[in-house]
Amino acid sequence: MKLSEQEFLTLINRHKGILYKVSRMYFDNLDDQQDLFQEIILQLWKSQESFKGNSQFSSWMYRVALNTAIVFYKKEKRKPDKFSSIKIEPFAHDGYNGEKDLQLMHFYKAVKELNKIEKALIFQFIEGLSGKEIAENIGLSEVNVRVKTNRTKSKLQEIIKRQGYEF
């Protein structure tokens, strides 16, 4: 299914939250997140003809985004980390919720300890996808998705507790 540039951009804008979340799930550094975000958009554009319209655009987008993130992460992991000691602290603004920010920090830190399948599962779970949709996106059975999702949620809770954060 060939989309016009305008149709493509409209769909990307409608579902760009997916891309931000995938980028943040794989990288702490804002520059790396932005690089991954751009790489995902490039891969979506290059592979748009593979979207047949048999599923929702967002489901196809998940698959491409996660596959791109995994490949990109492996490439970036091999590069030396020149700025590992630099931490960018979030700035306070109207409506800033420090507790929520702390929760998110622990969550994303814990997610980094998951394997690629667990990351994909938990990401799609928190996005509200059904077990059937997740199964189609990842290529597992619905039953396997439910079992792995429950195990991954438990694993995340244990990691977060180990970090010293209490729910």
N, C-alpha and C. Protein backbone atom coordinates (compact mmCIF):
# COMPACT_ATOMS: atom_id res chain seq x y z
N MET A 1 0.86 -1.17 0.00
CA MET A 1 0.00 0.00 0.00
C MET A 1 0.91 1.23 0.00
N LYS A 2 0.92 1.95 -1.08
CA LYS A 2 1.75 3.15 -1.20
C LYS A 2 0.98 4.36 -0.69
N LEU A 3 1.52 5.02 0.31
CA LEU A 3 0.90 6.21 0.89
C LEU A 3 1.55 7.45 0.30
N SER A 4 0.78 8.50 0.16
CA SER A 4 1.38 9.77 -0.24
C SER A 4 2.19 10.29 0.94
N GLU A 5 3.07 11.23 0.66
CA GLU A 5 3.89 11.79 1.72
C GLU A 5 3.01 12.41 2.81
N GLN A 6 1.96 13.10 2.40
CA GLN A 6 1.06 13.75 3.37
C GLN A 6 0.32 12.72 4.21
N GLU A 7 -0.17 11.64 3.59
CA GLU A 7 -0.86 10.58 4.34
C GLU A 7 0.09 9.94 5.35
N PHE A 8 1.32 9.68 4.89
CA PHE A 8 2.33 9.09 5.75
C PHE A 8 2.60 9.98 6.96
N LEU A 9 2.83 11.27 6.71
CA LEU A 9 3.12 12.21 7.80
C LEU A 9 1.95 12.34 8.77
N THR A 10 0.73 12.31 8.24
CA THR A 10 -0.45 12.38 9.10
C THR A 10 -0.51 11.17 10.03
N LEU A 11 -0.27 9.99 9.48
CA LEU A 11 -0.29 8.77 10.30
C LEU A 11 0.84 8.77 11.33
N ILE A 12 2.01 9.22 10.93
CA ILE A 12 3.15 9.28 11.85
C ILE A 12 2.83 10.25 13.00
N ASN A 13 2.29 11.41 12.67
CA ASN A 13 1.94 12.39 13.71
C ASN A 13 0.88 11.85 14.65
N ARG A 14 -0.07 11.12 14.13
CA ARG A 14 -1.14 10.57 14.96
C ARG A 14 -0.61 9.56 15.96
N HIS A 15 0.44 8.82 15.57
CA HIS A 15 0.95 7.74 16.42
C HIS A 15 2.39 7.98 16.89
N LYS A 16 2.86 9.23 16.88
CA LYS A 16 4.26 9.49 17.22
C LYS A 16 4.60 9.15 18.67
N GLY A 17 3.60 9.08 19.54
CA GLY A 17 3.85 8.68 20.92
C GLY A 17 4.51 7.32 21.01
N ILE A 18 4.14 6.44 20.10
CA ILE A 18 4.75 5.10 20.04
C ILE A 18 6.26 5.24 19.85
N LEU A 19 6.64 6.12 18.93
CA LEU A 19 8.06 6.28 18.60
C LEU A 19 8.83 6.87 19.77
N TYR A 20 8.23 7.85 20.46
CA TYR A 20 8.88 8.44 21.63
C TYR A 20 9.10 7.39 22.72
N LYS A 21 8.09 6.56 22.94
CA LYS A 21 8.20 5.56 24.01
C LYS A 21 9.23 4.50 23.67
N VAL A 22 9.25 4.06 22.43
CA VAL A 22 10.25 3.07 22.03
C VAL A 22 11.65 3.66 22.18
N SER A 23 11.82 4.90 21.74
CA SER A 23 13.13 5.55 21.83
C SER A 23 13.59 5.67 23.28
N ARG A 24 12.68 6.04 24.15
CA ARG A 24 13.03 6.21 25.56
C ARG A 24 13.28 4.86 26.24
N MET A 25 12.61 3.84 25.76
CA MET A 25 12.77 2.52 26.35
C MET A 25 14.18 1.97 26.10
N TYR A 26 14.76 2.33 24.98
CA TYR A 26 16.06 1.78 24.62
C TYR A 26 17.24 2.66 25.00
N PHE A 27 17.01 3.96 25.19
CA PHE A 27 18.12 4.87 25.49
C PHE A 27 17.77 5.87 26.57
N ASP A 28 18.76 6.20 27.43
CA ASP A 28 18.61 7.23 28.45
C ASP A 28 18.97 8.60 27.87
N ASN A 29 19.99 8.62 27.06
CA ASN A 29 20.54 9.85 26.52
C ASN A 29 19.59 10.45 25.48
N LEU A 30 19.27 11.72 25.64
CA LEU A 30 18.32 12.40 24.75
C LEU A 30 18.79 12.39 23.30
N ASP A 31 20.07 12.58 23.06
CA ASP A 31 20.58 12.56 21.68
C ASP A 31 20.37 11.19 21.04
N ASP A 32 20.65 10.13 21.79
CA ASP A 32 20.43 8.78 21.28
C ASP A 32 18.95 8.53 21.01
N GLN A 33 18.09 9.02 21.91
CA GLN A 33 16.64 8.87 21.71
C GLN A 33 16.21 9.56 20.42
N GLN A 34 16.71 10.77 20.20
CA GLN A 34 16.35 11.50 18.99
C GLN A 34 16.89 10.82 17.74
N ASP A 35 18.11 10.29 17.82
CA ASP A 35 18.67 9.56 16.69
C ASP A 35 17.82 8.33 16.36
N LEU A 36 17.44 7.59 17.38
CA LEU A 36 16.60 6.41 17.16
C LEU A 36 15.25 6.81 16.60
N PHE A 37 14.66 7.87 17.12
CA PHE A 37 13.38 8.36 16.62
C PHE A 37 13.47 8.63 15.12
N GLN A 38 14.52 9.33 14.70
CA GLN A 38 14.70 9.63 13.28
C GLN A 38 14.94 8.36 12.46
N GLU A 39 15.70 7.43 13.01
CA GLU A 39 15.97 6.17 12.31
C GLU A 39 14.69 5.38 12.11
N ILE A 40 13.82 5.37 13.11
CA ILE A 40 12.54 4.66 12.99
C ILE A 40 11.69 5.30 11.90
N ILE A 41 11.63 6.61 11.86
CA ILE A 41 10.84 7.28 10.82
C ILE A 41 11.40 6.94 9.44
N LEU A 42 12.73 6.95 9.31
CA LEU A 42 13.35 6.59 8.03
C LEU A 42 12.97 5.17 7.63
N GLN A 43 13.05 4.24 8.58
CA GLN A 43 12.71 2.84 8.28
C GLN A 43 11.23 2.68 7.95
N LEU A 44 10.38 3.43 8.63
CA LEU A 44 8.94 3.40 8.32
C LEU A 44 8.71 3.87 6.89
N TRP A 45 9.38 4.95 6.51
CA TRP A 45 9.22 5.49 5.16
C TRP A 45 9.72 4.50 4.11
N LYS A 46 10.91 3.91 4.37
CA LYS A 46 11.49 2.95 3.42
C LYS A 46 10.64 1.71 3.26
N SER A 47 9.99 1.29 4.35
CA SER A 47 9.26 0.02 4.31
C SER A 47 7.76 0.19 4.23
N GLN A 48 7.28 1.38 3.94
CA GLN A 48 5.84 1.61 3.93
C GLN A 48 5.09 0.73 2.93
N GLU A 49 5.75 0.32 1.87
CA GLU A 49 5.08 -0.53 0.89
C GLU A 49 4.79 -1.91 1.46
N SER A 50 5.48 -2.28 2.54
CA SER A 50 5.20 -3.58 3.16
C SER A 50 3.93 -3.53 4.00
N PHE A 51 3.41 -2.33 4.25
CA PHE A 51 2.15 -2.20 4.97
C PHE A 51 1.02 -2.50 3.99
N LYS A 52 0.35 -3.61 4.21
CA LYS A 52 -0.70 -4.07 3.28
C LYS A 52 -2.09 -3.60 3.67
N GLY A 53 -2.23 -3.05 4.87
CA GLY A 53 -3.55 -2.62 5.31
C GLY A 53 -4.35 -3.73 5.96
N ASN A 54 -3.73 -4.89 6.18
CA ASN A 54 -4.42 -6.02 6.82
C ASN A 54 -4.57 -5.80 8.33
N SER A 55 -3.75 -4.94 8.88
CA SER A 55 -3.82 -4.60 10.30
C SER A 55 -3.87 -3.08 10.41
N GLN A 56 -3.97 -2.60 11.63
CA GLN A 56 -3.95 -1.16 11.82
C GLN A 56 -2.54 -0.64 11.54
N PHE A 57 -2.48 0.60 11.08
CA PHE A 57 -1.18 1.22 10.80
C PHE A 57 -0.32 1.21 12.06
N SER A 58 -0.94 1.49 13.21
CA SER A 58 -0.18 1.55 14.47
C SER A 58 0.44 0.19 14.81
N SER A 59 -0.24 -0.90 14.50
CA SER A 59 0.32 -2.23 14.77
C SER A 59 1.55 -2.49 13.91
N TRP A 60 1.44 -2.13 12.63
CA TRP A 60 2.58 -2.27 11.73
C TRP A 60 3.73 -1.38 12.20
N MET A 61 3.36 -0.18 12.64
CA MET A 61 4.35 0.78 13.12
C MET A 61 5.10 0.23 14.33
N TYR A 62 4.40 -0.44 15.25
CA TYR A 62 5.04 -1.07 16.41
C TYR A 62 6.12 -2.04 15.96
N ARG A 63 5.75 -2.91 15.02
CA ARG A 63 6.70 -3.92 14.56
C ARG A 63 7.96 -3.28 13.99
N VAL A 64 7.77 -2.33 13.10
CA VAL A 64 8.92 -1.66 12.47
C VAL A 64 9.74 -0.91 13.53
N ALA A 65 9.07 -0.20 14.42
CA ALA A 65 9.77 0.59 15.45
C ALA A 65 10.59 -0.33 16.37
N LEU A 66 10.00 -1.41 16.82
CA LEU A 66 10.72 -2.31 17.73
C LEU A 66 11.89 -3.00 17.03
N ASN A 67 11.68 -3.45 15.81
CA ASN A 67 12.77 -4.09 15.07
C ASN A 67 13.90 -3.10 14.81
N THR A 68 13.55 -1.88 14.43
CA THR A 68 14.56 -0.84 14.20
C THR A 68 15.31 -0.53 15.48
N ALA A 69 14.59 -0.43 16.58
CA ALA A 69 15.21 -0.12 17.88
C ALA A 69 16.21 -1.20 18.28
N ILE A 70 15.84 -2.43 18.07
CA ILE A 70 16.74 -3.54 18.45
C ILE A 70 18.03 -3.48 17.64
N VAL A 71 17.91 -3.29 16.34
CA VAL A 71 19.09 -3.22 15.47
C VAL A 71 19.93 -1.99 15.82
N PHE A 72 19.28 -0.86 15.99
CA PHE A 72 19.96 0.39 16.31
C PHE A 72 20.67 0.28 17.66
N TYR A 73 20.00 -0.31 18.64
CA TYR A 73 20.57 -0.47 19.98
C TYR A 73 21.84 -1.32 19.92
N LYS A 74 21.79 -2.39 19.17
CA LYS A 74 22.97 -3.26 19.06
C LYS A 74 24.14 -2.51 18.44
N LYS A 75 23.87 -1.69 17.42
CA LYS A 75 24.93 -0.89 16.79
C LYS A 75 25.50 0.14 17.77
N GLU A 76 24.63 0.84 18.48
CA GLU A 76 25.05 1.89 19.40
C GLU A 76 25.80 1.31 20.60
N LYS A 77 25.43 0.11 21.01
CA LYS A 77 26.05 -0.52 22.17
C LYS A 77 27.54 -0.80 21.90
N ARG A 78 27.88 -1.01 20.64
CA ARG A 78 29.27 -1.31 20.28
C ARG A 78 30.15 -0.06 20.29
N LYS A 79 29.53 1.13 20.21
CA LYS A 79 30.31 2.37 20.20
C LYS A 79 30.76 2.70 21.61
N PRO A 80 31.96 3.27 21.76
CA PRO A 80 32.39 3.68 23.10
C PRO A 80 31.52 4.82 23.62
N ASP A 81 31.22 4.79 24.90
CA ASP A 81 30.38 5.80 25.51
C ASP A 81 31.26 6.91 26.07
N LYS A 82 31.31 8.03 25.33
CA LYS A 82 32.19 9.13 25.72
C LYS A 82 31.62 9.97 26.85
N PHE A 83 30.31 9.96 27.00
CA PHE A 83 29.66 10.88 27.92
C PHE A 83 28.82 10.15 28.96
N SER A 84 29.25 8.98 29.39
CA SER A 84 28.42 8.18 30.29
C SER A 84 28.21 8.85 31.65
N SER A 85 29.12 9.74 32.04
CA SER A 85 28.97 10.36 33.35
C SER A 85 28.08 11.60 33.33
N ILE A 86 27.69 12.06 32.15
CA ILE A 86 26.85 13.25 32.05
C ILE A 86 25.40 12.83 32.21
N LYS A 87 24.73 13.44 33.17
CA LYS A 87 23.30 13.19 33.40
C LYS A 87 22.55 14.49 33.19
N ILE A 88 21.49 14.43 32.43
CA ILE A 88 20.66 15.61 32.23
C ILE A 88 19.46 15.47 33.14
N GLU A 89 19.32 16.40 34.04
CA GLU A 89 18.22 16.38 34.98
C GLU A 89 17.00 17.05 34.37
N PRO A 90 15.82 16.50 34.60
CA PRO A 90 14.62 17.15 34.08
C PRO A 90 14.42 18.49 34.78
N PHE A 91 13.89 19.45 34.05
CA PHE A 91 13.67 20.76 34.65
C PHE A 91 12.25 20.86 35.16
N ALA A 92 12.09 21.64 36.20
CA ALA A 92 10.77 21.82 36.79
C ALA A 92 9.99 22.86 35.97
N HIS A 93 8.71 22.62 35.82
CA HIS A 93 7.84 23.55 35.12
C HIS A 93 6.44 23.43 35.71
N ASP A 94 5.57 24.31 35.28
CA ASP A 94 4.19 24.24 35.78
C ASP A 94 3.63 22.86 35.49
N GLY A 95 3.03 22.26 36.46
CA GLY A 95 2.45 20.94 36.29
C GLY A 95 3.46 19.81 36.47
N TYR A 96 4.69 20.14 36.83
CA TYR A 96 5.72 19.14 37.02
C TYR A 96 5.37 18.28 38.23
N ASN A 97 5.46 16.98 38.05
CA ASN A 97 5.16 16.04 39.12
C ASN A 97 6.42 15.23 39.40
N GLY A 98 7.15 15.61 40.44
CA GLY A 98 8.40 14.96 40.78
C GLY A 98 8.25 13.48 41.09
N GLU A 99 7.16 13.12 41.77
CA GLU A 99 6.95 11.71 42.11
C GLU A 99 6.73 10.87 40.85
N LYS A 100 5.94 11.40 39.94
CA LYS A 100 5.69 10.67 38.69
C LYS A 100 6.98 10.54 37.89
N ASP A 101 7.78 11.60 37.87
CA ASP A 101 9.06 11.56 37.17
C ASP A 101 9.97 10.50 37.78
N LEU A 102 9.98 10.41 39.11
CA LEU A 102 10.77 9.41 39.80
C LEU A 102 10.30 7.99 39.44
N GLN A 103 8.99 7.81 39.42
CA GLN A 103 8.43 6.50 39.03
C GLN A 103 8.85 6.13 37.62
N LEU A 104 8.74 7.08 36.70
CA LEU A 104 9.12 6.82 35.31
C LEU A 104 10.61 6.50 35.19
N MET A 105 11.43 7.22 35.95
CA MET A 105 12.86 6.97 35.92
C MET A 105 13.16 5.53 36.35
N HIS A 106 12.54 5.09 37.44
CA HIS A 106 12.75 3.72 37.90
C HIS A 106 12.19 2.71 36.89
N PHE A 107 11.05 3.02 36.32
CA PHE A 107 10.45 2.11 35.34
C PHE A 107 11.37 1.94 34.14
N TYR A 108 11.81 3.04 33.54
CA TYR A 108 12.67 2.94 32.35
C TYR A 108 14.01 2.31 32.66
N LYS A 109 14.53 2.57 33.85
CA LYS A 109 15.78 1.94 34.26
C LYS A 109 15.59 0.42 34.37
N ALA A 110 14.45 0.01 34.92
CA ALA A 110 14.14 -1.42 35.05
C ALA A 110 13.93 -2.06 33.69
N VAL A 111 13.26 -1.36 32.80
CA VAL A 111 12.98 -1.90 31.46
C VAL A 111 14.28 -2.21 30.73
N LYS A 112 15.30 -1.42 30.96
CA LYS A 112 16.59 -1.64 30.29
C LYS A 112 17.21 -2.99 30.66
N GLU A 113 16.79 -3.56 31.78
CA GLU A 113 17.31 -4.87 32.19
C GLU A 113 16.55 -6.03 31.54
N LEU A 114 15.45 -5.73 30.85
CA LEU A 114 14.67 -6.79 30.20
C LEU A 114 15.30 -7.18 28.87
N ASN A 115 15.00 -8.41 28.43
CA ASN A 115 15.46 -8.80 27.11
C ASN A 115 14.55 -8.20 26.05
N LYS A 116 14.89 -8.34 24.78
CA LYS A 116 14.17 -7.64 23.72
C LYS A 116 12.71 -8.08 23.62
N ILE A 117 12.40 -9.33 23.86
CA ILE A 117 11.01 -9.80 23.79
C ILE A 117 10.22 -9.22 24.96
N GLU A 118 10.82 -9.22 26.15
CA GLU A 118 10.15 -8.67 27.32
C GLU A 118 9.88 -7.17 27.14
N LYS A 119 10.85 -6.45 26.57
CA LYS A 119 10.66 -5.02 26.30
C LYS A 119 9.48 -4.80 25.35
N ALA A 120 9.46 -5.58 24.29
CA ALA A 120 8.39 -5.44 23.31
C ALA A 120 7.04 -5.76 23.94
N LEU A 121 6.99 -6.80 24.75
CA LEU A 121 5.73 -7.19 25.41
C LEU A 121 5.23 -6.10 26.34
N ILE A 122 6.10 -5.63 27.21
CA ILE A 122 5.66 -4.67 28.23
C ILE A 122 5.29 -3.35 27.58
N PHE A 123 6.02 -2.96 26.55
CA PHE A 123 5.71 -1.72 25.85
C PHE A 123 4.31 -1.78 25.25
N GLN A 124 4.01 -2.86 24.57
CA GLN A 124 2.71 -2.98 23.94
C GLN A 124 1.59 -3.17 24.97
N PHE A 125 1.91 -3.82 26.08
CA PHE A 125 0.94 -3.99 27.16
C PHE A 125 0.55 -2.64 27.74
N ILE A 126 1.54 -1.79 28.03
CA ILE A 126 1.21 -0.49 28.62
C ILE A 126 0.53 0.43 27.61
N GLU A 127 0.70 0.13 26.33
CA GLU A 127 0.00 0.90 25.30
C GLU A 127 -1.46 0.46 25.18
N GLY A 128 -1.82 -0.63 25.86
CA GLY A 128 -3.20 -1.07 25.86
C GLY A 128 -3.57 -2.00 24.73
N LEU A 129 -2.58 -2.57 24.04
CA LEU A 129 -2.89 -3.51 22.98
C LEU A 129 -3.45 -4.79 23.58
N SER A 130 -4.31 -5.43 22.86
CA SER A 130 -4.89 -6.70 23.32
C SER A 130 -3.85 -7.80 23.19
N GLY A 131 -4.09 -8.90 23.88
CA GLY A 131 -3.20 -10.06 23.77
C GLY A 131 -3.09 -10.56 22.34
N LYS A 132 -4.20 -10.48 21.62
CA LYS A 132 -4.20 -10.92 20.22
C LYS A 132 -3.32 -10.01 19.37
N GLU A 133 -3.44 -8.70 19.57
CA GLU A 133 -2.62 -7.76 18.80
C GLU A 133 -1.14 -7.93 19.11
N ILE A 134 -0.82 -8.10 20.39
CA ILE A 134 0.58 -8.30 20.78
C ILE A 134 1.11 -9.59 20.16
N ALA A 135 0.30 -10.64 20.21
CA ALA A 135 0.71 -11.92 19.64
C ALA A 135 1.01 -11.78 18.14
N GLU A 136 0.16 -11.05 17.43
CA GLU A 136 0.37 -10.84 15.99
C GLU A 136 1.64 -10.03 15.74
N ASN A 137 1.88 -9.02 16.56
CA ASN A 137 3.05 -8.16 16.36
C ASN A 137 4.35 -8.88 16.64
N ILE A 138 4.35 -9.74 17.65
CA ILE A 138 5.59 -10.39 18.08
C ILE A 138 5.77 -11.77 17.46
N GLY A 139 4.67 -12.38 17.06
CA GLY A 139 4.76 -13.71 16.47
C GLY A 139 4.70 -14.83 17.48
N LEU A 140 3.97 -14.61 18.57
CA LEU A 140 3.78 -15.64 19.60
C LEU A 140 2.29 -15.96 19.67
N SER A 141 1.96 -17.04 20.37
CA SER A 141 0.55 -17.36 20.59
C SER A 141 0.00 -16.43 21.66
N GLU A 142 -1.32 -16.26 21.69
CA GLU A 142 -1.94 -15.41 22.70
C GLU A 142 -1.66 -15.92 24.11
N VAL A 143 -1.71 -17.24 24.28
CA VAL A 143 -1.46 -17.83 25.60
C VAL A 143 -0.03 -17.52 26.04
N ASN A 144 0.91 -17.68 25.11
CA ASN A 144 2.31 -17.40 25.42
C ASN A 144 2.50 -15.92 25.78
N VAL A 145 1.80 -15.05 25.08
CA VAL A 145 1.87 -13.61 25.37
C VAL A 145 1.38 -13.34 26.78
N ARG A 146 0.25 -13.93 27.17
CA ARG A 146 -0.28 -13.71 28.53
C ARG A 146 0.70 -14.18 29.59
N VAL A 147 1.27 -15.37 29.39
CA VAL A 147 2.20 -15.92 30.36
C VAL A 147 3.45 -15.04 30.45
N LYS A 148 4.03 -14.72 29.30
CA LYS A 148 5.25 -13.91 29.28
C LYS A 148 5.00 -12.50 29.83
N THR A 149 3.83 -11.93 29.56
CA THR A 149 3.51 -10.60 30.06
C THR A 149 3.44 -10.62 31.58
N ASN A 150 2.77 -11.61 32.15
CA ASN A 150 2.68 -11.70 33.61
C ASN A 150 4.06 -11.90 34.24
N ARG A 151 4.87 -12.74 33.63
CA ARG A 151 6.23 -12.95 34.16
C ARG A 151 7.06 -11.68 34.06
N THR A 152 6.89 -10.96 32.96
CA THR A 152 7.65 -9.72 32.76
C THR A 152 7.22 -8.65 33.76
N LYS A 153 5.93 -8.55 34.02
CA LYS A 153 5.46 -7.58 35.03
C LYS A 153 6.05 -7.91 36.39
N SER A 154 6.06 -9.17 36.74
CA SER A 154 6.65 -9.57 38.03
C SER A 154 8.15 -9.27 38.06
N LYS A 155 8.82 -9.53 36.97
CA LYS A 155 10.25 -9.27 36.88
C LYS A 155 10.53 -7.77 37.04
N LEU A 156 9.71 -6.94 36.40
CA LEU A 156 9.87 -5.49 36.53
C LEU A 156 9.70 -5.04 37.97
N GLN A 157 8.69 -5.58 38.64
CA GLN A 157 8.47 -5.22 40.04
C GLN A 157 9.68 -5.57 40.89
N GLU A 158 10.25 -6.75 40.66
CA GLU A 158 11.42 -7.17 41.42
C GLU A 158 12.62 -6.27 41.14
N ILE A 159 12.83 -5.92 39.88
CA ILE A 159 13.94 -5.04 39.52
C ILE A 159 13.77 -3.68 40.20
N ILE A 160 12.58 -3.14 40.15
CA ILE A 160 12.31 -1.82 40.74
C ILE A 160 12.51 -1.87 42.26
N LYS A 161 12.07 -2.95 42.90
CA LYS A 161 12.30 -3.09 44.34
C LYS A 161 13.79 -3.18 44.64
N ARG A 162 14.52 -3.90 43.80
CA ARG A 162 15.95 -4.04 43.97
C ARG A 162 16.65 -2.68 43.84
N GLN A 163 16.07 -1.79 43.03
CA GLN A 163 16.61 -0.44 42.87
C GLN A 163 16.38 0.40 44.11
N GLY A 164 15.54 -0.09 45.01
CA GLY A 164 15.28 0.63 46.24
C GLY A 164 14.02 1.48 46.20
N TYR A 165 13.23 1.35 45.16
CA TYR A 165 12.01 2.15 45.07
C TYR A 165 10.85 1.28 45.54
N GLU A 166 10.06 1.81 46.46
CA GLU A 166 8.89 1.08 46.96
C GLU A 166 7.64 1.67 46.34
N PHE A 167 6.74 0.82 45.94
CA PHE A 167 5.49 1.24 45.28
C PHE A 167 4.57 1.86 46.30
